[in-house]
Amino acid sequence: MTPAPLLLVAPTRLGRVERGAARWWCAALLLSLIAALGLSETSARPAAELLHDSIVAAIRHGGHYYDTFRDLARTAPDGEDARSLPPTLAVVSAAVPNAAMLLLVGAALAGLVAVGVQRLAALFAGAAGQVLAALLLVAGTAAVALLWEQTPHAGWAALLAAYAVLLRRAERWGTAAALGCAAAVIDPAALLVPAVMAIFALHDGSARETLGWLVALAVGGAVLGCHLWAIAAVVPPAAETLPTLLAPPGALPRLLGAALPGVAPGLAAALLLLALLGWAALPRALGPRVVALVLAGLAADGRVAGLHSATLAAALVAPGLALAPDAIADLLRGAPGRRRITVTRVTR
């Protein structure tokens, strides 16, 4: 008989793991948590986008984006990092008053909480799990708000990426693809969102959904290509360096600092492992997509036009902790010492 889950409505994927594999999983998880708790590298907050604010102020006074970028990028400390960011967010921010932009961001954050609670509540059997997931989702949304305050491009990308992942369903993926496209148009690092989702749609055999995500990827790539061509005409790029085979060393600290702000690095790394375990064990299509987005963001950090993609799934790390208790419980149930055999005597 399959044991009843703790918080979820159904057992996790780990409930079907054989006894030997469950032991290996438990050992690997224990060693990973010990190694994570010993992490001494400090969490890193993303660098502030100082040039973005200056460009927005110049556009409000009649300036042109590329001319302003040429004049200000020479002295701005983040000039080289900002050259791959399209003018989409700067133009919109310049056309909208600051108060209206704050209201827009607040409404988007509140909408993410509403959408996330609706999607996650269906995964839990009782009020305890639903409340826990809701609180952790609020924490993840607050982390995105802090990220947006310091780096508007990365904040909007993380916000729209979370929307796209949570809204996507097998029969309703159009809105999710549009939001993924919007994230890629604002921050090219978010090109990973339609790319990852297209791979999963292809694996599921959904040709129409795959085409939709590929269209979103093509639109984002075209915007990036046109922008790089325009920016190279006003500010020639620096000498290119060979890409590294491994993810940049600052990718993990950047994710920990954005997704779990204020948490000690070792504890944050352990919580990240538990969150990934919870999402990976979820017997729904949502879980593997979140795990793939986190890992792809870490692996591709600094490689998509030199932009940082590690923070794309910042809003979805904390909610994964609500799924971890069931995953751990299923592992512990599947790894006892000896197999029990029950003998029943029947009298005829």
Foldseek 3Di string as FASTA:
>chain_A
DQDQFDWFRDFWQLLPDAQVVLVVVVVVLVVQLVVLLPDPDAFDADAFPPLLVVLLVVVLVPDDNLVSLLVPLVPDPCSQVCLLFFCVVSVVPSVDDPVVVVVVLVVLLVVLLVLQLVQCVNGTDDPVLSVQLSVLLNLLSVLLVVNCVRYVLLSLLLSLLSVLLSPDDPVDNLVSLVSLLVNLNRPVLSLVSLVLQLVVCVVVVNPVNNVSSVVSSVNSVVNSVVSSVSNCVSPNHDDDDDDDQFFPPNLVSNLLCRQPNPDGRSVSSSLQVLLLLLLVRHPDPSSVSLNVQQVVQRGCALPRSGHRRNNNNSSRSRSSNSRRVSSVVSSVVNHDDDDDDDDDDDDD
